[in-house]
Amino acid sequence: MAKQSPPQLLADEKHTWWRGDKVYVATTVAEGCLLGAELSQTAGSDDLQAAYGVFADEARELNPDYQPQTVNTDGWEATQKAWKDLFSGVTLILCFLHGTGIV
């Protein structure tokens, strides 16, 4: 029996540089595994939705009914909007460290 896709995810953007331009790598992780990493030209919701959408498409190729239960984020509004648009029933969780201002 194949292992099911993880129901709890973490999503975050790595700020970096590519060919002299600031870009963002939208990462999706779960259970100690990097599930997705896709380049985003901006940190805006449209670009992040396209980047995280690569993970969503790949997950749905494995299971057309895939719906994560939760996604833990740092609270960035564009990230949260992207995930809500990709998976309308997902519950968003604010990272404790970001929510308390520790990081």
N, C-alpha and C. Protein backbone atom coordinates (compact mmCIF):
# COMPACT_ATOMS: atom_id res chain seq x y z
N MET A 1 0.85 -1.18 0.00
CA MET A 1 0.00 0.00 0.00
C MET A 1 0.89 1.24 0.00
N ALA A 2 0.60 2.18 -0.86
CA ALA A 2 1.39 3.40 -0.97
C ALA A 2 1.13 4.32 0.22
N LYS A 3 2.17 5.02 0.64
CA LYS A 3 2.03 5.98 1.73
C LYS A 3 1.22 7.17 1.24
N GLN A 4 0.34 7.66 2.09
CA GLN A 4 -0.48 8.82 1.75
C GLN A 4 0.34 10.09 1.83
N SER A 5 -0.07 11.09 1.07
CA SER A 5 0.57 12.39 1.16
C SER A 5 0.31 12.98 2.53
N PRO A 6 1.28 13.71 3.09
CA PRO A 6 1.14 14.21 4.45
C PRO A 6 0.02 15.26 4.57
N PRO A 7 -0.78 15.18 5.63
CA PRO A 7 -1.87 16.14 5.82
C PRO A 7 -1.42 17.45 6.45
N GLN A 8 -0.27 17.48 7.12
CA GLN A 8 0.24 18.70 7.75
C GLN A 8 1.50 19.14 7.01
N LEU A 9 1.49 20.39 6.55
CA LEU A 9 2.61 20.94 5.78
C LEU A 9 3.16 22.18 6.44
N LEU A 10 4.36 22.55 6.02
CA LEU A 10 4.96 23.83 6.37
C LEU A 10 5.39 24.48 5.07
N ALA A 11 5.10 25.77 4.92
CA ALA A 11 5.46 26.50 3.71
C ALA A 11 6.20 27.78 4.09
N ASP A 12 7.27 28.06 3.36
CA ASP A 12 8.04 29.27 3.62
C ASP A 12 8.82 29.64 2.37
N GLU A 13 9.20 30.90 2.29
CA GLU A 13 9.97 31.39 1.16
C GLU A 13 11.40 31.70 1.60
N LYS A 14 12.34 31.19 0.83
CA LYS A 14 13.75 31.50 1.03
C LYS A 14 14.09 32.67 0.13
N HIS A 15 14.57 33.77 0.73
CA HIS A 15 14.98 34.94 -0.04
C HIS A 15 16.39 34.66 -0.57
N THR A 16 16.58 34.85 -1.87
CA THR A 16 17.89 34.56 -2.45
C THR A 16 18.08 35.40 -3.71
N TRP A 17 19.15 35.14 -4.42
CA TRP A 17 19.47 35.88 -5.64
C TRP A 17 19.63 34.90 -6.79
N TRP A 18 19.16 35.31 -7.97
CA TRP A 18 19.32 34.50 -9.17
C TRP A 18 19.61 35.44 -10.34
N ARG A 19 20.79 35.28 -10.94
CA ARG A 19 21.23 36.12 -12.06
C ARG A 19 21.16 37.61 -11.72
N GLY A 20 21.53 37.94 -10.50
CA GLY A 20 21.58 39.33 -10.07
C GLY A 20 20.26 39.90 -9.57
N ASP A 21 19.19 39.14 -9.63
CA ASP A 21 17.88 39.62 -9.18
C ASP A 21 17.48 38.92 -7.89
N LYS A 22 16.83 39.68 -7.01
CA LYS A 22 16.28 39.06 -5.80
C LYS A 22 15.07 38.23 -6.20
N VAL A 23 15.05 36.99 -5.72
CA VAL A 23 13.95 36.07 -6.00
C VAL A 23 13.62 35.32 -4.71
N TYR A 24 12.62 34.49 -4.79
CA TYR A 24 12.15 33.74 -3.63
C TYR A 24 11.97 32.28 -4.05
N VAL A 25 12.37 31.38 -3.19
CA VAL A 25 12.14 29.96 -3.44
C VAL A 25 11.03 29.51 -2.50
N ALA A 26 9.89 29.20 -3.08
CA ALA A 26 8.73 28.76 -2.30
C ALA A 26 8.94 27.28 -1.95
N THR A 27 9.08 27.00 -0.66
CA THR A 27 9.35 25.63 -0.22
C THR A 27 8.14 25.05 0.52
N THR A 28 7.92 23.77 0.29
CA THR A 28 6.88 23.01 0.98
C THR A 28 7.55 21.81 1.61
N VAL A 29 7.37 21.65 2.93
CA VAL A 29 8.02 20.54 3.64
C VAL A 29 7.01 19.84 4.55
N ALA A 30 7.34 18.59 4.88
CA ALA A 30 6.53 17.80 5.83
C ALA A 30 7.33 16.59 6.25
N GLU A 31 7.18 16.22 7.50
CA GLU A 31 7.78 15.00 8.02
C GLU A 31 9.27 14.90 7.70
N GLY A 32 9.98 16.02 7.81
CA GLY A 32 11.41 16.03 7.57
C GLY A 32 11.82 15.90 6.12
N CYS A 33 10.90 16.13 5.21
CA CYS A 33 11.18 15.94 3.78
C CYS A 33 10.81 17.20 3.00
N LEU A 34 11.68 17.61 2.09
CA LEU A 34 11.39 18.71 1.19
C LEU A 34 10.51 18.18 0.06
N LEU A 35 9.27 18.62 0.03
CA LEU A 35 8.31 18.12 -0.96
C LEU A 35 8.25 18.99 -2.21
N GLY A 36 8.61 20.26 -2.06
CA GLY A 36 8.56 21.15 -3.20
C GLY A 36 9.44 22.36 -3.00
N ALA A 37 10.05 22.83 -4.08
CA ALA A 37 10.85 24.05 -4.08
C ALA A 37 10.75 24.65 -5.48
N GLU A 38 10.18 25.84 -5.55
CA GLU A 38 9.94 26.44 -6.86
C GLU A 38 10.27 27.92 -6.79
N LEU A 39 10.91 28.43 -7.84
CA LEU A 39 11.31 29.82 -7.92
C LEU A 39 10.09 30.72 -8.11
N SER A 40 10.06 31.83 -7.38
CA SER A 40 9.03 32.85 -7.51
C SER A 40 9.73 34.18 -7.74
N GLN A 41 9.32 34.91 -8.76
CA GLN A 41 9.98 36.18 -9.07
C GLN A 41 9.72 37.25 -8.02
N THR A 42 8.55 37.19 -7.37
CA THR A 42 8.21 38.16 -6.32
C THR A 42 7.62 37.42 -5.13
N ALA A 43 7.40 38.16 -4.06
CA ALA A 43 6.75 37.60 -2.88
C ALA A 43 5.27 37.94 -2.87
N GLY A 44 4.73 38.30 -4.03
CA GLY A 44 3.31 38.60 -4.16
C GLY A 44 2.48 37.33 -4.27
N SER A 45 1.19 37.46 -3.98
CA SER A 45 0.34 36.27 -3.92
C SER A 45 0.20 35.56 -5.26
N ASP A 46 0.16 36.29 -6.38
CA ASP A 46 0.03 35.63 -7.68
C ASP A 46 1.26 34.77 -8.00
N ASP A 47 2.45 35.35 -7.79
CA ASP A 47 3.67 34.59 -8.07
C ASP A 47 3.84 33.44 -7.09
N LEU A 48 3.51 33.67 -5.82
CA LEU A 48 3.63 32.58 -4.85
C LEU A 48 2.61 31.48 -5.13
N GLN A 49 1.42 31.86 -5.55
CA GLN A 49 0.43 30.83 -5.89
C GLN A 49 0.92 29.99 -7.06
N ALA A 50 1.53 30.61 -8.05
CA ALA A 50 2.08 29.85 -9.17
C ALA A 50 3.19 28.91 -8.69
N ALA A 51 4.05 29.40 -7.81
CA ALA A 51 5.16 28.57 -7.32
C ALA A 51 4.66 27.43 -6.44
N TYR A 52 3.81 27.72 -5.47
CA TYR A 52 3.26 26.65 -4.63
C TYR A 52 2.31 25.75 -5.42
N GLY A 53 1.77 26.30 -6.50
CA GLY A 53 0.89 25.51 -7.36
C GLY A 53 1.59 24.33 -8.01
N VAL A 54 2.90 24.42 -8.19
CA VAL A 54 3.65 23.29 -8.74
C VAL A 54 3.54 22.11 -7.78
N PHE A 55 3.73 22.38 -6.46
CA PHE A 55 3.55 21.31 -5.47
C PHE A 55 2.11 20.78 -5.52
N ALA A 56 1.14 21.68 -5.56
CA ALA A 56 -0.27 21.26 -5.56
C ALA A 56 -0.57 20.36 -6.75
N ASP A 57 -0.07 20.74 -7.92
CA ASP A 57 -0.30 19.93 -9.13
C ASP A 57 0.34 18.55 -8.99
N GLU A 58 1.58 18.52 -8.48
CA GLU A 58 2.27 17.24 -8.33
C GLU A 58 1.58 16.35 -7.29
N ALA A 59 1.12 16.95 -6.19
CA ALA A 59 0.41 16.18 -5.17
C ALA A 59 -0.88 15.60 -5.73
N ARG A 60 -1.56 16.38 -6.55
CA ARG A 60 -2.82 15.91 -7.13
C ARG A 60 -2.61 14.90 -8.25
N GLU A 61 -1.42 14.87 -8.83
CA GLU A 61 -1.11 13.80 -9.78
C GLU A 61 -1.06 12.46 -9.06
N LEU A 62 -0.55 12.47 -7.83
CA LEU A 62 -0.48 11.25 -7.04
C LEU A 62 -1.83 10.89 -6.44
N ASN A 63 -2.60 11.91 -6.05
CA ASN A 63 -3.90 11.70 -5.44
C ASN A 63 -4.80 12.87 -5.84
N PRO A 64 -5.69 12.69 -6.80
CA PRO A 64 -6.54 13.78 -7.28
C PRO A 64 -7.38 14.45 -6.18
N ASP A 65 -7.62 13.75 -5.08
CA ASP A 65 -8.42 14.31 -3.99
C ASP A 65 -7.56 14.91 -2.88
N TYR A 66 -6.26 15.07 -3.11
CA TYR A 66 -5.37 15.55 -2.04
C TYR A 66 -5.80 16.91 -1.53
N GLN A 67 -5.89 17.00 -0.21
CA GLN A 67 -6.24 18.24 0.48
C GLN A 67 -5.49 18.24 1.81
N PRO A 68 -4.47 19.10 1.95
CA PRO A 68 -3.81 19.15 3.26
C PRO A 68 -4.77 19.67 4.32
N GLN A 69 -4.61 19.18 5.54
CA GLN A 69 -5.44 19.67 6.64
C GLN A 69 -4.93 21.02 7.14
N THR A 70 -3.60 21.13 7.29
CA THR A 70 -3.01 22.35 7.82
C THR A 70 -1.76 22.73 7.04
N VAL A 71 -1.48 24.03 7.01
CA VAL A 71 -0.22 24.55 6.50
C VAL A 71 0.28 25.58 7.51
N ASN A 72 1.47 25.36 8.03
CA ASN A 72 2.11 26.27 8.97
C ASN A 72 2.91 27.28 8.16
N THR A 73 2.65 28.58 8.40
CA THR A 73 3.36 29.64 7.68
C THR A 73 3.86 30.68 8.67
N ASP A 74 4.67 31.61 8.15
CA ASP A 74 5.18 32.69 9.00
C ASP A 74 4.21 33.87 9.09
N GLY A 75 3.04 33.74 8.48
CA GLY A 75 2.04 34.79 8.56
C GLY A 75 2.05 35.77 7.40
N TRP A 76 2.98 35.61 6.46
CA TRP A 76 3.02 36.49 5.29
C TRP A 76 1.69 36.37 4.55
N GLU A 77 1.01 37.50 4.37
CA GLU A 77 -0.34 37.50 3.80
C GLU A 77 -0.40 36.85 2.41
N ALA A 78 0.59 37.13 1.58
CA ALA A 78 0.59 36.57 0.23
C ALA A 78 0.74 35.05 0.25
N THR A 79 1.53 34.54 1.19
CA THR A 79 1.69 33.09 1.33
C THR A 79 0.37 32.47 1.75
N GLN A 80 -0.27 33.07 2.74
CA GLN A 80 -1.54 32.54 3.22
C GLN A 80 -2.61 32.57 2.14
N LYS A 81 -2.66 33.66 1.38
CA LYS A 81 -3.65 33.75 0.29
C LYS A 81 -3.38 32.69 -0.77
N ALA A 82 -2.12 32.49 -1.11
CA ALA A 82 -1.78 31.48 -2.11
C ALA A 82 -2.28 30.10 -1.70
N TRP A 83 -2.03 29.73 -0.45
CA TRP A 83 -2.46 28.40 0.02
C TRP A 83 -3.98 28.28 0.11
N LYS A 84 -4.65 29.34 0.54
CA LYS A 84 -6.12 29.31 0.59
C LYS A 84 -6.72 29.18 -0.81
N ASP A 85 -6.09 29.84 -1.78
CA ASP A 85 -6.58 29.75 -3.16
C ASP A 85 -6.32 28.37 -3.76
N LEU A 86 -5.20 27.75 -3.39
CA LEU A 86 -4.86 26.42 -3.92
C LEU A 86 -5.67 25.31 -3.26
N PHE A 87 -5.91 25.45 -1.95
CA PHE A 87 -6.62 24.42 -1.18
C PHE A 87 -7.64 25.13 -0.28
N SER A 88 -8.84 25.33 -0.77
CA SER A 88 -9.82 26.17 -0.08
C SER A 88 -10.16 25.69 1.32
N GLY A 89 -10.05 24.41 1.61
CA GLY A 89 -10.41 23.90 2.92
C GLY A 89 -9.28 23.82 3.92
N VAL A 90 -8.10 24.30 3.55
CA VAL A 90 -6.93 24.17 4.43
C VAL A 90 -7.03 25.12 5.63
N THR A 91 -6.53 24.65 6.77
CA THR A 91 -6.43 25.50 7.96
C THR A 91 -5.01 26.04 8.02
N LEU A 92 -4.88 27.35 8.13
CA LEU A 92 -3.57 27.98 8.21
C LEU A 92 -3.16 28.13 9.67
N ILE A 93 -1.92 27.81 9.96
CA ILE A 93 -1.37 27.92 11.31
C ILE A 93 -0.24 28.94 11.27
N LEU A 94 -0.26 29.88 12.20
CA LEU A 94 0.81 30.86 12.31
C LEU A 94 1.94 30.27 13.15
N CYS A 95 3.14 30.31 12.60
CA CYS A 95 4.31 29.84 13.32
C CYS A 95 4.43 30.56 14.66
N PHE A 96 4.60 29.81 15.74
CA PHE A 96 4.70 30.38 17.08
C PHE A 96 5.83 31.41 17.16
N LEU A 97 6.99 31.09 16.61
CA LEU A 97 8.14 32.00 16.69
C LEU A 97 7.88 33.30 15.95
N HIS A 98 7.25 33.23 14.78
CA HIS A 98 6.93 34.44 14.04
C HIS A 98 5.79 35.21 14.70
N GLY A 99 4.81 34.49 15.21
CA GLY A 99 3.66 35.12 15.84
C GLY A 99 4.00 35.88 17.11
N THR A 100 5.02 35.43 17.83
CA THR A 100 5.42 36.10 19.06
C THR A 100 6.52 37.13 18.83
N GLY A 101 7.00 37.23 17.59
CA GLY A 101 8.03 38.21 17.28
C GLY A 101 9.43 37.78 17.66
N ILE A 102 9.62 36.51 18.00
CA ILE A 102 10.94 36.02 18.37
C ILE A 102 11.87 36.04 17.16
N VAL A 103 11.33 35.77 15.98
CA VAL A 103 12.14 35.81 14.75
C VAL A 103 11.56 36.81 13.78
